[in-house]
PDB file of N, CA and C in Angstrom:
ATOM      1  N   MET A   1     -38.825 -17.245  35.721  1.00  0.00           N
ATOM      2  CA  MET A   1     -39.209 -17.715  37.199  1.00  0.00           C
ATOM      3  C   MET A   1     -38.333 -16.369  37.951  1.00  0.00           C
ATOM      4  N   GLU A   2     -38.949 -15.980  38.886  1.00  0.00           N
ATOM      5  CA  GLU A   2     -38.696 -14.496  39.678  1.00  0.00           C
ATOM      6  C   GLU A   2     -38.168 -14.909  40.807  1.00  0.00           C
ATOM      7  N   ILE A   3     -37.297 -14.377  41.463  1.00  0.00           N
ATOM      8  CA  ILE A   3     -36.645 -13.918  42.168  1.00  0.00           C
ATOM      9  C   ILE A   3     -37.471 -13.320  43.594  1.00  0.00           C
ATOM     10  N   SER A   4     -38.537 -13.756  44.762  1.00  0.00           N
ATOM     11  CA  SER A   4     -39.191 -13.275  45.529  1.00  0.00           C
ATOM     12  C   SER A   4     -38.480 -12.718  46.484  1.00  0.00           C
ATOM     13  N   LYS A   5     -37.497 -13.592  46.670  1.00  0.00           N
ATOM     14  CA  LYS A   5     -36.630 -13.448  48.353  1.00  0.00           C
ATOM     15  C   LYS A   5     -35.634 -11.811  47.865  1.00  0.00           C
ATOM     16  N   VAL A   6     -35.487 -10.903  48.751  1.00  0.00           N
ATOM     17  CA  VAL A   6     -34.361  -9.990  49.001  1.00  0.00           C
ATOM     18  C   VAL A   6     -33.675 -10.389  49.582  1.00  0.00           C
ATOM     19  N   TYR A   7     -32.017 -10.826  49.292  1.00  0.00           N
ATOM     20  CA  TYR A   7     -31.199 -10.902  50.074  1.00  0.00           C
ATOM     21  C   TYR A   7     -30.118  -9.393  50.548  1.00  0.00           C
ATOM     22  N   SER A   8     -29.672  -9.507  51.461  1.00  0.00           N
ATOM     23  CA  SER A   8     -28.547  -8.843  51.947  1.00  0.00           C
ATOM     24  C   SER A   8     -27.849  -8.614  51.209  1.00  0.00           C
ATOM     25  N   ASP A   9     -27.233  -7.045  51.236  1.00  0.00           N
ATOM     26  CA  ASP A   9     -26.053  -7.341  50.561  1.00  0.00           C
ATOM     27  C   ASP A   9     -24.872  -8.152  50.676  1.00  0.00           C
ATOM     28  N   ILE A  10     -24.670  -8.629  51.533  1.00  0.00           N
ATOM     29  CA  ILE A  10     -23.561  -9.682  51.836  1.00  0.00           C
ATOM     30  C   ILE A  10     -23.569 -10.968  51.289  1.00  0.00           C
ATOM     31  N   ASP A  11     -24.945 -11.298  51.091  1.00  0.00           N
ATOM     32  CA  ASP A  11     -25.849 -12.967  51.314  1.00  0.00           C
ATOM     33  C   ASP A  11     -25.898 -12.313  49.261  1.00  0.00           C
ATOM     34  N   MET A  12     -26.255 -10.936  48.973  1.00  0.00           N
ATOM     35  CA  MET A  12     -26.035 -11.417  47.160  1.00  0.00           C
ATOM     36  C   MET A  12     -24.177 -11.048  46.856  1.00  0.00           C
ATOM     37  N   ASP A  13     -23.222 -10.731  47.644  1.00  0.00           N
ATOM     38  CA  ASP A  13     -22.237 -10.838  47.370  1.00  0.00           C
ATOM     39  C   ASP A  13     -22.150 -12.272  47.395  1.00  0.00           C
ATOM     40  N   ARG A  14     -21.603 -13.273  48.137  1.00  0.00           N
ATOM     41  CA  ARG A  14     -21.445 -14.405  48.048  1.00  0.00           C
ATOM     42  C   ARG A  14     -22.474 -15.020  47.545  1.00  0.00           C
ATOM     43  N   ILE A  15     -23.995 -14.840  46.872  1.00  0.00           N
ATOM     44  CA  ILE A  15     -23.923 -15.569  46.050  1.00  0.00           C
ATOM     45  C   ILE A  15     -23.651 -15.331  44.542  1.00  0.00           C
ATOM     46  N   ILE A  16     -23.469 -14.502  44.297  1.00  0.00           N
ATOM     47  CA  ILE A  16     -22.551 -13.794  43.106  1.00  0.00           C
ATOM     48  C   ILE A  16     -21.089 -14.708  43.209  1.00  0.00           C
ATOM     49  N   GLU A  17     -20.338 -14.348  44.146  1.00  0.00           N
ATOM     50  CA  GLU A  17     -19.363 -15.162  44.121  1.00  0.00           C
ATOM     51  C   GLU A  17     -19.336 -16.763  43.902  1.00  0.00           C
ATOM     52  N   MET A  18     -20.223 -17.105  45.013  1.00  0.00           N
ATOM     53  CA  MET A  18     -20.064 -18.796  45.012  1.00  0.00           C
ATOM     54  C   MET A  18     -20.387 -19.425  43.078  1.00  0.00           C
ATOM     55  N   ALA A  19     -21.761 -18.214  42.384  1.00  0.00           N
ATOM     56  CA  ALA A  19     -21.345 -18.323  41.311  1.00  0.00           C
ATOM     57  C   ALA A  19     -20.472 -18.244  40.236  1.00  0.00           C
ATOM     58  N   TRP A  20     -19.096 -17.389  40.507  1.00  0.00           N
ATOM     59  CA  TRP A  20     -18.124 -16.834  39.820  1.00  0.00           C
ATOM     60  C   TRP A  20     -17.173 -19.084  39.730  1.00  0.00           C
ATOM     61  N   GLU A  21     -17.551 -19.281  41.680  1.00  0.00           N
ATOM     62  CA  GLU A  21     -16.423 -19.976  41.296  1.00  0.00           C
ATOM     63  C   GLU A  21     -16.779 -21.216  40.905  1.00  0.00           C
ATOM     64  N   ASP A  22     -15.903 -21.915  40.061  1.00  0.00           N
ATOM     65  CA  ASP A  22     -15.962 -23.030  39.240  1.00  0.00           C
ATOM     66  C   ASP A  22     -16.168 -24.976  40.137  1.00  0.00           C
ATOM     67  N   ARG A  23     -15.861 -24.763  41.162  1.00  0.00           N
ATOM     68  CA  ARG A  23     -15.327 -25.555  41.657  1.00  0.00           C
ATOM     69  C   ARG A  23     -17.376 -25.557  42.883  1.00  0.00           C
ATOM     70  N   THR A  24     -17.692 -24.765  43.181  1.00  0.00           N
ATOM     71  CA  THR A  24     -19.246 -24.247  43.591  1.00  0.00           C
ATOM     72  C   THR A  24     -20.484 -24.949  42.362  1.00  0.00           C
ATOM     73  N   PRO A  25     -21.044 -25.840  42.994  1.00  0.00           N
ATOM     74  CA  PRO A  25     -22.303 -25.749  42.189  1.00  0.00           C
ATOM     75  C   PRO A  25     -23.044 -25.714  42.158  1.00  0.00           C
ATOM     76  N   PHE A  26     -24.711 -25.266  41.049  1.00  0.00           N
ATOM     77  CA  PHE A  26     -26.004 -24.972  41.244  1.00  0.00           C
ATOM     78  C   PHE A  26     -26.516 -25.191  42.635  1.00  0.00           C
ATOM     79  N   GLU A  27     -26.030 -26.714  43.065  1.00  0.00           N
ATOM     80  CA  GLU A  27     -26.768 -27.145  44.254  1.00  0.00           C
ATOM     81  C   GLU A  27     -26.407 -26.682  45.445  1.00  0.00           C
ATOM     82  N   ALA A  28     -25.074 -26.137  45.603  1.00  0.00           N
ATOM     83  CA  ALA A  28     -24.321 -25.701  46.743  1.00  0.00           C
ATOM     84  C   ALA A  28     -25.392 -24.851  46.986  1.00  0.00           C
ATOM     85  N   ILE A  29     -25.802 -23.515  45.932  1.00  0.00           N
ATOM     86  CA  ILE A  29     -26.409 -22.264  46.106  1.00  0.00           C
ATOM     87  C   ILE A  29     -27.781 -22.596  46.794  1.00  0.00           C
ATOM     88  N   GLU A  30     -28.295 -23.718  45.745  1.00  0.00           N
ATOM     89  CA  GLU A  30     -29.644 -23.545  46.648  1.00  0.00           C
ATOM     90  C   GLU A  30     -29.782 -24.381  47.481  1.00  0.00           C
ATOM     91  N   MET A  31     -29.055 -25.119  48.086  1.00  0.00           N
ATOM     92  CA  MET A  31     -28.847 -25.523  49.312  1.00  0.00           C
ATOM     93  C   MET A  31     -28.698 -24.334  50.458  1.00  0.00           C
ATOM     94  N   GLN A  32     -28.153 -23.381  50.047  1.00  0.00           N
ATOM     95  CA  GLN A  32     -27.128 -22.827  51.026  1.00  0.00           C
ATOM     96  C   GLN A  32     -28.453 -21.576  50.777  1.00  0.00           C
ATOM     97  N   PHE A  33     -29.238 -20.713  49.598  1.00  0.00           N
ATOM     98  CA  PHE A  33     -29.837 -20.094  49.786  1.00  0.00           C
ATOM     99  C   PHE A  33     -31.128 -19.934  48.918  1.00  0.00           C
ATOM    100  N   GLY A  34     -31.092 -20.846  48.473  1.00  0.00           N
ATOM    101  CA  GLY A  34     -32.671 -22.221  48.367  1.00  0.00           C
ATOM    102  C   GLY A  34     -32.941 -21.032  46.770  1.00  0.00           C
ATOM    103  N   LEU A  35     -32.349 -20.677  46.403  1.00  0.00           N
ATOM    104  CA  LEU A  35     -31.782 -20.607  44.544  1.00  0.00           C
ATOM    105  C   LEU A  35     -31.592 -21.642  43.750  1.00  0.00           C
ATOM    106  N   SER A  36     -32.875 -21.726  42.513  1.00  0.00           N
ATOM    107  CA  SER A  36     -32.355 -22.634  41.868  1.00  0.00           C
ATOM    108  C   SER A  36     -31.439 -22.194  40.683  1.00  0.00           C
ATOM    109  N   GLU A  37     -30.812 -23.030  39.874  1.00  0.00           N
ATOM    110  CA  GLU A  37     -29.966 -22.718  38.384  1.00  0.00           C
ATOM    111  C   GLU A  37     -30.580 -21.626  37.708  1.00  0.00           C
ATOM    112  N   GLU A  38     -31.665 -21.560  37.274  1.00  0.00           N
ATOM    113  CA  GLU A  38     -32.210 -20.930  36.928  1.00  0.00           C
ATOM    114  C   GLU A  38     -32.460 -19.266  37.349  1.00  0.00           C
ATOM    115  N   SER A  39     -32.827 -19.429  38.445  1.00  0.00           N
ATOM    116  CA  SER A  39     -32.712 -18.157  39.332  1.00  0.00           C
ATOM    117  C   SER A  39     -31.626 -17.703  39.633  1.00  0.00           C
ATOM    118  N   VAL A  40     -30.501 -18.237  40.216  1.00  0.00           N
ATOM    119  CA  VAL A  40     -29.264 -17.678  39.419  1.00  0.00           C
ATOM    120  C   VAL A  40     -28.488 -17.285  38.644  1.00  0.00           C
ATOM    121  N   LYS A  41     -29.599 -17.523  37.448  1.00  0.00           N
ATOM    122  CA  LYS A  41     -29.047 -16.736  35.849  1.00  0.00           C
ATOM    123  C   LYS A  41     -29.951 -15.630  35.758  1.00  0.00           C
ATOM    124  N   ILE A  42     -31.007 -15.699  36.680  1.00  0.00           N
ATOM    125  CA  ILE A  42     -31.774 -14.121  36.745  1.00  0.00           C
ATOM    126  C   ILE A  42     -31.075 -13.496  37.346  1.00  0.00           C
ATOM    127  N   LEU A  43     -30.731 -13.551  38.631  1.00  0.00           N
ATOM    128  CA  LEU A  43     -29.918 -12.808  40.002  1.00  0.00           C
ATOM    129  C   LEU A  43     -28.673 -12.519  38.765  1.00  0.00           C
ATOM    130  N   MET A  44     -27.683 -12.676  37.907  1.00  0.00           N
ATOM    131  CA  MET A  44     -26.221 -12.357  37.765  1.00  0.00           C
ATOM    132  C   MET A  44     -26.844 -11.544  36.595  1.00  0.00           C
ATOM    133  N   LYS A  45     -27.711 -11.864  36.269  1.00  0.00           N
ATOM    134  CA  LYS A  45     -28.049 -11.503  34.867  1.00  0.00           C
ATOM    135  C   LYS A  45     -28.320  -9.335  35.195  1.00  0.00           C
ATOM    136  N   LYS A  46     -29.023  -9.542  36.086  1.00  0.00           N
ATOM    137  CA  LYS A  46     -29.572  -8.617  36.652  1.00  0.00           C
ATOM    138  C   LYS A  46     -28.556  -7.447  37.596  1.00  0.00           C
ATOM    139  N   GLN A  47     -27.564  -8.404  38.337  1.00  0.00           N
ATOM    140  CA  GLN A  47     -26.785  -7.994  39.014  1.00  0.00           C
ATOM    141  C   GLN A  47     -25.345  -7.519  38.222  1.00  0.00           C
ATOM    142  N   LEU A  48     -25.000  -8.025  37.415  1.00  0.00           N
ATOM    143  CA  LEU A  48     -24.193  -7.864  36.493  1.00  0.00           C
ATOM    144  C   LEU A  48     -24.396  -7.128  35.128  1.00  0.00           C
ATOM    145  N   LYS A  49     -23.035  -6.701  34.551  1.00  0.00           N
ATOM    146  CA  LYS A  49     -22.671  -5.490  33.315  1.00  0.00           C
ATOM    147  C   LYS A  49     -23.198  -6.658  32.548  1.00  0.00           C
ATOM    148  N   PHE A  50     -23.587  -6.653  31.032  1.00  0.00           N
ATOM    149  CA  PHE A  50     -23.810  -7.348  30.210  1.00  0.00           C
ATOM    150  C   PHE A  50     -22.928  -7.954  30.175  1.00  0.00           C
ATOM    151  N   SER A  51     -21.695  -7.562  29.823  1.00  0.00           N
ATOM    152  CA  SER A  51     -20.692  -7.920  28.767  1.00  0.00           C
ATOM    153  C   SER A  51     -19.784  -9.569  29.987  1.00  0.00           C
ATOM    154  N   SER A  52     -20.120  -8.498  31.486  1.00  0.00           N
ATOM    155  CA  SER A  52     -20.039  -9.554  32.047  1.00  0.00           C
ATOM    156  C   SER A  52     -20.464 -11.035  32.400  1.00  0.00           C
ATOM    157  N   TYR A  53     -21.781 -10.438  32.562  1.00  0.00           N
ATOM    158  CA  TYR A  53     -22.644 -11.344  32.376  1.00  0.00           C
ATOM    159  C   TYR A  53     -22.213 -12.513  31.445  1.00  0.00           C
ATOM    160  N   ARG A  54     -21.868 -12.485  29.391  1.00  0.00           N
ATOM    161  CA  ARG A  54     -21.951 -13.258  29.485  1.00  0.00           C
ATOM    162  C   ARG A  54     -20.901 -14.197  29.735  1.00  0.00           C
ATOM    163  N   LEU A  55     -19.812 -13.099  30.061  1.00  0.00           N
ATOM    164  CA  LEU A  55     -18.288 -14.110  30.288  1.00  0.00           C
ATOM    165  C   LEU A  55     -18.951 -14.940  30.989  1.00  0.00           C
ATOM    166  N   TRP A  56     -19.535 -15.008  32.376  1.00  0.00           N
ATOM    167  CA  TRP A  56     -19.921 -15.907  33.780  1.00  0.00           C
ATOM    168  C   TRP A  56     -21.209 -16.839  32.471  1.00  0.00           C
ATOM    169  N   ARG A  57     -21.932 -16.840  31.646  1.00  0.00           N
ATOM    170  CA  ARG A  57     -22.375 -17.244  30.898  1.00  0.00           C
ATOM    171  C   ARG A  57     -21.707 -18.390  30.007  1.00  0.00           C
ATOM    172  N   ASP A  58     -20.977 -18.064  29.442  1.00  0.00           N
ATOM    173  CA  ASP A  58     -19.724 -18.759  28.348  1.00  0.00           C
ATOM    174  C   ASP A  58     -18.803 -20.042  29.404  1.00  0.00           C
ATOM    175  N   ARG A  59     -18.435 -19.041  30.522  1.00  0.00           N
ATOM    176  CA  ARG A  59     -18.295 -20.127  31.817  1.00  0.00           C
ATOM    177  C   ARG A  59     -18.440 -21.322  31.934  1.00  0.00           C
ATOM    178  N   VAL A  60     -19.632 -20.599  32.394  1.00  0.00           N
ATOM    179  CA  VAL A  60     -19.934 -21.956  33.212  1.00  0.00           C
ATOM    180  C   VAL A  60     -21.169 -23.170  31.830  1.00  0.00           C
ATOM    181  N   SER A  61     -21.267 -22.510  31.010  1.00  0.00           N
ATOM    182  CA  SER A  61     -21.625 -23.670  29.835  1.00  0.00           C
ATOM    183  C   SER A  61     -20.397 -24.371  29.950  1.00  0.00           C
ATOM    184  N   ASN A  62     -19.163 -23.775  29.994  1.00  0.00           N
ATOM    185  CA  ASN A  62     -18.455 -24.709  30.183  1.00  0.00           C
ATOM    186  C   ASN A  62     -17.347 -25.506  31.105  1.00  0.00           C
ATOM    187  N   CYS A  63     -18.186 -25.173  32.097  1.00  0.00           N
ATOM    188  CA  CYS A  63     -17.542 -25.854  33.148  1.00  0.00           C
ATOM    189  C   CYS A  63     -18.548 -27.054  33.720  1.00  0.00           C
ATOM    190  N   LYS A  64     -18.130 -27.987  33.550  1.00  0.00           N
ATOM    191  CA  LYS A  64     -18.221 -29.317  33.803  1.00  0.00           C
ATOM    192  C   LYS A  64     -18.525 -29.755  35.502  1.00  0.00           C
ATOM    193  N   THR A  65     -17.758 -28.839  35.884  1.00  0.00           N
ATOM    194  CA  THR A  65     -18.312 -28.641  38.027  1.00  0.00           C
ATOM    195  C   THR A  65     -18.890 -28.358  38.678  1.00  0.00           C
ATOM    196  N   LYS A  66     -19.493 -27.413  37.490  1.00  0.00           N
ATOM    197  CA  LYS A  66     -21.317 -26.704  37.933  1.00  0.00           C
ATOM    198  C   LYS A  66     -22.167 -27.244  38.497  1.00  0.00           C
ATOM    199  N   HIS A  67     -22.229 -28.458  38.012  1.00  0.00           N
ATOM    200  CA  HIS A  67     -23.466 -29.446  38.101  1.00  0.00           C
ATOM    201  C   HIS A  67     -22.941 -30.635  38.868  1.00  0.00           C
ATOM    202  N   LEU A  68     -23.802 -31.098  40.040  1.00  0.00           N
ATOM    203  CA  LEU A  68     -23.269 -32.399  40.420  1.00  0.00           C
ATOM    204  C   LEU A  68     -23.543 -33.278  39.526  1.00  0.00           C
ATOM    205  N   LYS A  69     -24.034 -33.470  38.778  1.00  0.00           N
ATOM    206  CA  LYS A  69     -24.862 -34.822  37.959  1.00  0.00           C
ATOM    207  C   LYS A  69     -22.794 -34.960  36.356  1.00  0.00           C
ATOM    208  N   LYS A  70     -22.667 -34.202  36.588  1.00  0.00           N
ATOM    209  CA  LYS A  70     -21.014 -33.699  35.499  1.00  0.00           C
ATOM    210  C   LYS A  70     -20.169 -33.681  36.022  1.00  0.00           C
ATOM    211  N   ARG A  71     -19.937 -34.320  37.139  1.00  0.00           N
ATOM    212  CA  ARG A  71     -19.215 -33.912  38.387  1.00  0.00           C
ATOM    213  C   ARG A  71     -18.328 -35.367  37.904  1.00  0.00           C
ATOM    214  N   LEU A  72     -16.777 -35.671  38.542  1.00  0.00           N
ATOM    215  CA  LEU A  72     -16.150 -36.515  37.744  1.00  0.00           C
ATOM    216  C   LEU A  72     -16.611 -37.241  39.365  1.00  0.00           C
ATOM    217  N   ASP A  73     -16.332 -38.474  40.183  1.00  0.00           N
ATOM    218  CA  ASP A  73     -16.524 -39.345  41.460  1.00  0.00           C
ATOM    219  C   ASP A  73     -15.744 -38.541  42.261  1.00  0.00           C
ATOM    220  N   GLY A  74     -14.357 -38.295  41.721  1.00  0.00           N
ATOM    221  CA  GLY A  74     -13.515 -37.960  43.097  1.00  0.00           C
ATOM    222  C   GLY A  74     -13.926 -36.970  43.679  1.00  0.00           C
ATOM    223  N   ILE A  75     -14.904 -35.649  42.938  1.00  0.00           N
ATOM    224  CA  ILE A  75     -14.795 -34.597  43.488  1.00  0.00           C
ATOM    225  C   ILE A  75     -16.374 -34.433  44.443  1.00  0.00           C
ATOM    226  N   ASN A  76     -16.293 -34.648  45.186  1.00  0.00           N
ATOM    227  CA  ASN A  76     -17.376 -34.612  46.484  1.00  0.00           C
ATOM    228  C   ASN A  76     -17.582 -33.588  47.427  1.00  0.00           C
ATOM    229  N   ARG A  77     -16.946 -31.912  46.907  1.00  0.00           N
ATOM    230  CA  ARG A  77     -16.992 -31.507  48.037  1.00  0.00           C
ATOM    231  C   ARG A  77     -17.034 -29.806  47.223  1.00  0.00           C
ATOM    232  N   PHE A  78     -17.614 -28.898  48.130  1.00  0.00           N
ATOM    233  CA  PHE A  78     -17.628 -27.518  47.175  1.00  0.00           C
ATOM    234  C   PHE A  78     -16.252 -26.701  47.632  1.00  0.00           C
ATOM    235  N   LYS A  79     -16.158 -27.087  48.015  1.00  0.00           N
ATOM    236  CA  LYS A  79     -14.753 -25.750  48.250  1.00  0.00           C
ATOM    237  C   LYS A  79     -13.051 -26.836  48.601  1.00  0.00           C
ATOM    238  N   CYS A  80     -12.114 -26.295  47.711  1.00  0.00           N
ATOM    239  CA  CYS A  80     -10.831 -26.577  48.239  1.00  0.00           C
ATOM    240  C   CYS A  80     -10.418 -26.558  49.831  1.00  0.00           C
ATOM    241  N   ASN A  81      -9.823 -27.600  49.948  1.00  0.00           N
ATOM    242  CA  ASN A  81      -9.363 -27.992  51.391  1.00  0.00           C
ATOM    243  C   ASN A  81      -8.620 -26.638  52.180  1.00  0.00           C
ATOM    244  N   SER A  82      -7.914 -26.199  51.360  1.00  0.00           N
ATOM    245  CA  SER A  82      -7.109 -24.886  52.103  1.00  0.00           C
ATOM    246  C   SER A  82      -8.064 -23.263  52.555  1.00  0.00           C
ATOM    247  N   GLN A  83      -9.746 -23.623  51.905  1.00  0.00           N
ATOM    248  CA  GLN A  83     -10.060 -22.279  52.042  1.00  0.00           C
ATOM    249  C   GLN A  83     -10.848 -22.728  53.728  1.00  0.00           C
ATOM    250  N   ARG A  84     -11.466 -21.335  53.983  1.00  0.00           N
ATOM    251  CA  ARG A  84     -11.801 -21.584  56.066  1.00  0.00           C
ATOM    252  C   ARG A  84     -13.440 -22.138  55.657  1.00  0.00           C
ATOM    253  N   SER A  85     -13.406 -23.342  56.712  1.00  0.00           N
ATOM    254  CA  SER A  85     -14.921 -23.785  56.996  1.00  0.00           C
ATOM    255  C   SER A  85     -16.778 -23.124  56.834  1.00  0.00           C
ATOM    256  N   ILE A  86     -16.982 -23.375  55.957  1.00  0.00           N
ATOM    257  CA  ILE A  86     -18.406 -22.072  56.119  1.00  0.00           C
ATOM    258  C   ILE A  86     -19.739 -23.060  56.070  1.00  0.00           C
ATOM    259  N   THR A  87     -20.139 -22.478  57.239  1.00  0.00           N
ATOM    260  CA  THR A  87     -21.665 -23.193  57.662  1.00  0.00           C
ATOM    261  C   THR A  87     -22.723 -21.807  57.707  1.00  0.00           C
ATOM    262  N   LEU A  88     -23.630 -22.714  56.879  1.00  0.00           N
ATOM    263  CA  LEU A  88     -25.043 -21.451  56.429  1.00  0.00           C
ATOM    264  C   LEU A  88     -24.148 -19.841  56.118  1.00  0.00           C
ATOM    265  N   ASN A  89     -23.273 -19.563  55.601  1.00  0.00           N
ATOM    266  CA  ASN A  89     -22.958 -18.780  54.536  1.00  0.00           C
ATOM    267  C   ASN A  89     -21.682 -17.566  55.760  1.00  0.00           C
ATOM    268  N   LYS A  90     -21.849 -18.966  57.054  1.00  0.00           N
ATOM    269  CA  LYS A  90     -21.120 -17.451  58.268  1.00  0.00           C
ATOM    270  C   LYS A  90     -19.972 -18.637  58.517  1.00  0.00           C
ATOM    271  N   ILE A  91     -18.607 -17.176  58.037  1.00  0.00           N
ATOM    272  CA  ILE A  91     -17.164 -18.420  58.217  1.00  0.00           C
ATOM    273  C   ILE A  91     -16.769 -18.053  59.207  1.00  0.00           C
ATOM    274  N   SER A  92     -16.653 -18.879  59.710  1.00  0.00           N
ATOM    275  CA  SER A  92     -15.836 -19.091  60.990  1.00  0.00           C
ATOM    276  C   SER A  92     -14.116 -18.946  61.179  1.00  0.00           C
ATOM    277  N   LYS A  93     -14.142 -18.719  62.265  1.00  0.00           N
ATOM    278  CA  LYS A  93     -12.583 -18.657  62.772  1.00  0.00           C
ATOM    279  C   LYS A  93     -11.733 -19.917  62.519  1.00  0.00           C
ATOM    280  N   ARG A  94     -10.193 -19.511  62.470  1.00  0.00           N
ATOM    281  CA  ARG A  94      -9.431 -20.587  62.488  1.00  0.00           C
ATOM    282  C   ARG A  94      -9.423 -21.232  64.159  1.00  0.00           C
TER     283      ARG A  94
END
């Protein structure tokens, strides 16, 4: 799987940040940026140092909240309640 779209530095930073967050599922990244789980893995491997990538992969493989199907029924949001609301990757002011 190849990543065909070129992302801005801000978008790339946000994708990486979302990939690192435990509560943000891959489906949220796909909804906002159109990247499948496999594409996110490829992107992370290209953008991170190898040791950081390995840490991330180990973390993701052991994290039950990175996939909507593995989540508990009570978790139905992508962000914590105290985080600012995000719409189309633009953070709104409070």
